[in-house]
Amino acid sequence: MAELRPYEIYAIKYGDHPRLAADNFIGAMPDDAHSGPMPLDYFIWAIKGADKTWIVDTGFDAAMGRQRQRNVIRCPSVGLQALGIDAGKIEDVIITHLHYDHCGNHSLFERARYHLQDKEMFYTTGRCMCHAPLRHPFDVEDVVKMVRRLYDGRVAFHDGDEELAPGLSVHRVGGHTMGLQMVRVWTERGWVVLASDASHLYANMEQARPYPIVYNVADMLAGHQRAYALASSPQHVIPGHDPLVLKRYPAPNPALEGIVARLDVAPLS
């Protein structure tokens, strides 16, 4: 097998949401932490190869932020521009799942083909959406937009584990949604797994304590273990919404501190 060429990976923050620790776990928290603050950050991710850049998820826009009472700090395209990435030229976007905070900003990637798990489209357009609690994290316009892309020939479906390019693959784990997929990337420091919402926070997987928005709890817990198995070490797994990501990994330059973290390099000591 030819030697794999490493990718660079960047986590790009575009928003946040203040909340309590008790909102981020199923089950009781220890008394000393139960009511403490534990905010979420919102990210998209860029995977830069020698010849091509892939985007993972597309975030949500300011209008959706107002509707959902989330803070939009900047359009994701601004963070991409700071890395020299033109959203309008991106050819492939991986959508980990179709919740509103991962598949909005419909005008940003007009040339792209979107990579999605079969079961995610099945989930979002089938009988599970008869239930309001399962339907709530989705926005119908996001789902309709993905269907329109499908009919425009701009959706590639995947069934489970699939290699998209040498050193880049997707892996369905479900749990949070029926068709949630993680992304495994070869880097200079080994295999990094972008877990997305397989684990919102480091604490969800480190403590085996699921996040409360969930389709299948057993699959979510198994997904934590699958992420660790696919990565070179537990430290190579990146959760989907943890503010600690920006503290544990360096910015590509001082001007991007607190905005972008580089994930293909060793974490800060």
Protein backbone atom coordinates (compact mmCIF):
# COMPACT_ATOMS: atom_id res chain seq x y z
CA MET A 1 0.00 0.00 0.00
CA ALA A 2 1.26 3.46 -0.92
CA GLU A 3 2.29 5.68 1.95
CA LEU A 4 -0.57 7.84 3.15
CA ARG A 5 -0.20 11.58 2.77
CA PRO A 6 -1.17 13.37 5.99
CA TYR A 7 -3.92 15.93 6.23
CA GLU A 8 -4.15 19.08 8.32
CA ILE A 9 -7.34 19.49 10.39
CA TYR A 10 -8.84 22.68 11.74
CA ALA A 11 -11.75 23.21 14.15
CA ILE A 12 -13.42 26.54 13.38
CA LYS A 13 -15.70 28.05 16.01
CA TYR A 14 -18.67 30.06 14.78
CA GLY A 15 -20.96 30.23 17.82
CA ASP A 16 -21.66 29.18 21.39
CA HIS A 17 -24.45 28.55 23.89
CA PRO A 18 -24.30 29.09 27.66
CA ARG A 19 -25.87 26.20 29.58
CA LEU A 20 -25.55 24.17 32.76
CA ALA A 21 -23.67 20.92 33.25
CA ALA A 22 -26.94 19.21 34.14
CA ASP A 23 -28.16 19.88 30.57
CA ASN A 24 -25.29 17.90 29.02
CA PHE A 25 -25.69 14.46 30.61
CA ILE A 26 -28.26 11.74 31.13
CA GLY A 27 -28.39 11.00 34.85
CA ALA A 28 -27.55 12.93 37.97
CA MET A 29 -24.34 14.92 38.29
CA PRO A 30 -22.31 15.04 41.51
CA ASP A 31 -23.74 17.70 43.82
CA ASP A 32 -20.74 19.99 43.45
CA ALA A 33 -21.04 20.14 39.65
CA HIS A 34 -24.74 19.64 39.05
CA SER A 35 -25.67 23.28 38.55
CA GLY A 36 -22.38 24.69 37.33
CA PRO A 37 -21.95 26.30 33.90
CA MET A 38 -20.87 24.01 31.04
CA PRO A 39 -21.33 25.85 27.73
CA LEU A 40 -21.22 24.40 24.24
CA ASP A 41 -19.19 25.73 21.32
CA TYR A 42 -20.32 25.32 17.73
CA PHE A 43 -17.75 24.25 15.13
CA ILE A 44 -17.26 23.28 11.56
CA TRP A 45 -14.07 21.46 10.54
CA ALA A 46 -11.71 21.79 7.59
CA ILE A 47 -9.54 18.91 6.41
CA LYS A 48 -6.74 20.19 4.17
CA GLY A 49 -4.87 17.78 1.96
CA ALA A 50 -2.09 18.35 -0.51
CA ASP A 51 -4.53 18.54 -3.41
CA LYS A 52 -7.96 19.09 -1.90
CA THR A 53 -9.82 20.49 1.10
CA TRP A 54 -12.84 18.77 2.61
CA ILE A 55 -15.33 20.46 4.93
CA VAL A 56 -17.10 18.65 7.75
CA ASP A 57 -20.51 20.15 8.57
CA THR A 58 -21.75 23.63 7.71
CA GLY A 59 -23.14 25.10 10.94
CA PHE A 60 -26.11 27.46 11.15
CA ASP A 61 -26.65 31.10 10.25
CA ALA A 62 -27.63 34.17 12.27
CA ALA A 63 -31.34 33.75 11.58
CA MET A 64 -31.29 30.21 12.93
CA GLY A 65 -29.26 31.39 15.90
CA ARG A 66 -31.98 33.89 16.77
CA GLN A 67 -34.68 31.27 16.31
CA ARG A 68 -32.88 28.76 18.55
CA GLN A 69 -31.48 31.39 20.97
CA ARG A 70 -27.87 30.49 20.20
CA ASN A 71 -25.01 32.95 19.76
CA VAL A 72 -23.59 33.28 16.26
CA ILE A 73 -20.20 34.94 16.60
CA ARG A 74 -19.20 34.87 12.95
CA CYS A 75 -20.22 33.18 9.73
CA PRO A 76 -18.21 29.95 9.32
CA SER A 77 -16.95 31.28 5.99
CA VAL A 78 -15.01 33.99 7.87
CA GLY A 79 -13.02 31.38 9.77
CA LEU A 80 -12.42 29.50 6.54
CA GLN A 81 -11.19 32.67 4.83
CA ALA A 82 -8.69 33.18 7.64
CA LEU A 83 -7.23 29.80 6.66
CA GLY A 84 -7.14 30.69 2.98
CA ILE A 85 -10.17 28.54 2.16
CA ASP A 86 -12.85 29.84 -0.23
CA ALA A 87 -16.20 28.23 0.65
CA GLY A 88 -17.43 28.77 -2.89
CA LYS A 89 -14.68 26.54 -4.29
CA ILE A 90 -15.20 23.56 -1.96
CA GLU A 91 -16.14 20.42 -3.87
CA ASP A 92 -17.02 18.01 -1.05
CA VAL A 93 -18.76 18.49 2.30
CA ILE A 94 -19.23 15.68 4.82
CA ILE A 95 -22.41 16.06 6.88
CA THR A 96 -22.12 14.14 10.13
CA HIS A 97 -25.88 14.40 10.72
CA LEU A 98 -28.77 16.67 9.83
CA HIS A 99 -29.40 18.51 13.10
CA TYR A 100 -29.85 22.25 12.53
CA ASP A 101 -26.40 23.16 13.88
CA HIS A 102 -24.55 20.91 11.44
CA CYS A 103 -26.20 21.40 8.04
CA GLY A 104 -27.36 25.03 7.64
CA ASN A 105 -25.73 27.98 5.85
CA HIS A 106 -27.15 26.79 2.56
CA SER A 107 -25.56 29.50 0.45
CA LEU A 108 -21.94 28.83 1.42
CA PHE A 109 -20.97 25.69 -0.51
CA GLU A 110 -22.91 26.00 -3.75
CA ARG A 111 -20.50 23.81 -5.77
CA ALA A 112 -20.16 21.02 -3.24
CA ARG A 113 -21.31 17.45 -3.21
CA TYR A 114 -22.64 16.41 0.21
CA HIS A 115 -21.73 13.10 1.86
CA LEU A 116 -24.43 11.62 4.08
CA GLN A 117 -25.30 8.25 5.59
CA ASP A 118 -28.27 6.39 4.07
CA LYS A 119 -29.82 6.00 7.51
CA GLU A 120 -29.70 9.71 8.26
CA MET A 121 -31.91 10.54 5.28
CA PHE A 122 -34.15 7.59 6.19
CA TYR A 123 -34.38 8.87 9.76
CA THR A 124 -35.17 12.48 8.91
CA THR A 125 -37.82 11.71 6.28
CA GLY A 126 -39.49 8.71 7.91
CA ARG A 127 -41.74 7.72 10.76
CA CYS A 128 -39.33 8.76 13.53
CA MET A 129 -40.11 12.37 12.69
CA CYS A 130 -43.71 11.79 13.82
CA HIS A 131 -42.34 12.21 17.36
CA ALA A 132 -41.84 15.84 18.40
CA PRO A 133 -38.83 15.22 20.71
CA LEU A 134 -36.92 13.49 17.90
CA ARG A 135 -38.01 16.10 15.36
CA HIS A 136 -37.09 19.14 17.46
CA PRO A 137 -33.29 19.30 16.75
CA PHE A 138 -33.95 19.27 13.00
CA ASP A 139 -35.10 22.14 10.82
CA VAL A 140 -37.43 21.10 8.04
CA GLU A 141 -35.83 23.52 5.56
CA ASP A 142 -32.43 21.91 6.11
CA VAL A 143 -33.89 18.50 5.35
CA VAL A 144 -35.77 19.77 2.30
CA LYS A 145 -32.60 21.45 1.05
CA MET A 146 -30.74 18.15 1.25
CA VAL A 147 -33.52 16.44 -0.72
CA ARG A 148 -33.24 19.17 -3.37
CA ARG A 149 -29.50 18.62 -3.55
CA LEU A 150 -30.18 14.93 -4.03
CA TYR A 151 -32.39 15.65 -7.01
CA ASP A 152 -29.70 18.02 -8.34
CA GLY A 153 -27.18 15.16 -8.24
CA ARG A 154 -25.18 16.66 -5.35
CA VAL A 155 -25.54 14.02 -2.61
CA ALA A 156 -23.35 10.95 -2.16
CA PHE A 157 -24.77 8.34 0.21
CA HIS A 158 -22.74 6.00 2.40
CA ASP A 159 -23.72 2.85 4.23
CA GLY A 160 -21.65 2.38 7.39
CA ASP A 161 -17.87 2.59 6.99
CA GLU A 162 -16.51 3.95 3.74
CA GLU A 163 -13.22 5.41 2.51
CA LEU A 164 -13.67 8.72 0.70
CA ALA A 165 -9.99 9.19 -0.12
CA PRO A 166 -6.74 7.61 1.06
CA GLY A 167 -6.47 8.50 4.74
CA LEU A 168 -10.03 9.84 4.98
CA SER A 169 -13.08 7.76 5.86
CA VAL A 170 -16.56 8.00 7.40
CA HIS A 171 -17.98 5.63 10.00
CA ARG A 172 -21.63 5.41 11.02
CA VAL A 173 -22.16 5.07 14.76
CA GLY A 174 -25.71 6.31 15.26
CA GLY A 175 -26.70 7.07 18.83
CA HIS A 176 -27.32 10.81 18.75
CA THR A 177 -29.24 10.30 15.49
CA MET A 178 -29.88 7.11 13.55
CA GLY A 179 -27.36 8.00 10.85
CA LEU A 180 -24.69 10.00 12.65
CA GLN A 181 -21.22 9.45 11.18
CA MET A 182 -17.73 10.23 12.46
CA VAL A 183 -14.75 11.14 10.27
CA ARG A 184 -11.35 9.42 10.56
CA VAL A 185 -8.34 11.34 9.22
CA TRP A 186 -4.68 10.40 8.79
CA THR A 187 -2.34 13.13 10.09
CA GLU A 188 1.31 13.59 11.01
CA ARG A 189 0.44 12.53 14.55
CA GLY A 190 -1.61 9.48 13.53
CA TRP A 191 -5.31 8.76 13.15
CA VAL A 192 -7.53 11.59 14.39
CA VAL A 193 -11.28 11.00 14.75
CA LEU A 194 -13.70 13.91 14.43
CA ALA A 195 -16.42 12.44 16.61
CA SER A 196 -18.90 15.26 16.00
CA ASP A 197 -21.95 14.58 18.15
CA ALA A 198 -21.06 10.98 18.85
CA SER A 199 -19.73 12.84 21.91
CA HIS A 200 -20.57 16.49 22.44
CA LEU A 201 -17.99 16.90 25.21
CA TYR A 202 -14.84 15.13 26.36
CA ALA A 203 -16.73 14.32 29.56
CA ASN A 204 -19.49 12.44 27.72
CA MET A 205 -17.10 9.80 26.42
CA GLU A 206 -14.51 9.91 29.20
CA GLN A 207 -17.17 9.29 31.84
CA ALA A 208 -19.43 7.13 29.62
CA ARG A 209 -22.28 9.55 30.30
CA PRO A 210 -24.48 10.12 27.26
CA TYR A 211 -25.70 13.46 26.02
CA PRO A 212 -29.48 13.75 26.52
CA ILE A 213 -30.50 14.38 22.90
CA VAL A 214 -30.32 10.78 21.71
CA TYR A 215 -32.01 8.33 19.39
CA ASN A 216 -30.42 5.20 20.90
CA VAL A 217 -28.48 5.29 24.17
CA ALA A 218 -26.75 1.93 23.64
CA ASP A 219 -25.52 3.03 20.22
CA MET A 220 -24.27 6.30 21.70
CA LEU A 221 -22.23 4.50 24.35
CA ALA A 222 -20.90 2.04 21.76
CA GLY A 223 -20.01 5.03 19.58
CA HIS A 224 -17.73 6.40 22.29
CA GLN A 225 -15.80 3.14 22.26
CA ARG A 226 -15.78 2.99 18.46
CA ALA A 227 -14.25 6.46 18.32
CA TYR A 228 -11.44 5.36 20.63
CA ALA A 229 -10.89 2.18 18.59
CA LEU A 230 -10.57 4.12 15.32
CA ALA A 231 -8.16 6.73 16.73
CA SER A 232 -4.46 6.34 17.47
CA SER A 233 -5.21 7.07 21.14
CA PRO A 234 -8.05 8.52 23.23
CA GLN A 235 -6.30 11.90 22.91
CA HIS A 236 -6.82 11.68 19.15
CA VAL A 237 -10.64 11.84 19.46
CA ILE A 238 -12.19 15.30 19.05
CA PRO A 239 -15.68 15.89 20.49
CA GLY A 240 -18.22 17.97 18.64
CA HIS A 241 -18.98 20.90 20.96
CA ASP A 242 -16.41 21.15 23.73
CA PRO A 243 -14.85 24.58 24.42
CA LEU A 244 -11.80 22.67 25.71
CA VAL A 245 -10.86 21.90 22.09
CA LEU A 246 -9.75 25.52 21.67
CA LYS A 247 -7.78 25.30 24.90
CA ARG A 248 -6.13 21.93 24.30
CA TYR A 249 -4.99 22.61 20.73
CA PRO A 250 -2.99 25.53 19.35
CA ALA A 251 -4.29 28.17 17.00
CA PRO A 252 -2.56 28.22 13.60
CA ASN A 253 -1.44 31.76 14.39
CA PRO A 254 -1.95 34.20 17.30
CA ALA A 255 -4.63 36.17 15.45
CA LEU A 256 -6.87 33.08 15.42
CA GLU A 257 -6.60 32.30 19.13
CA GLY A 258 -10.01 31.30 20.42
CA ILE A 259 -11.37 30.99 16.88
CA VAL A 260 -9.49 28.15 15.18
CA ALA A 261 -7.64 25.16 16.63
CA ARG A 262 -5.25 22.97 14.67
CA LEU A 263 -5.99 19.32 15.43
CA ASP A 264 -3.35 17.46 13.42
CA VAL A 265 -0.59 18.57 15.78
CA ALA A 266 0.09 17.47 19.35
CA PRO A 267 -2.16 19.03 21.99
CA LEU A 268 -0.75 21.74 24.21
CA SER A 269 0.93 20.51 27.37
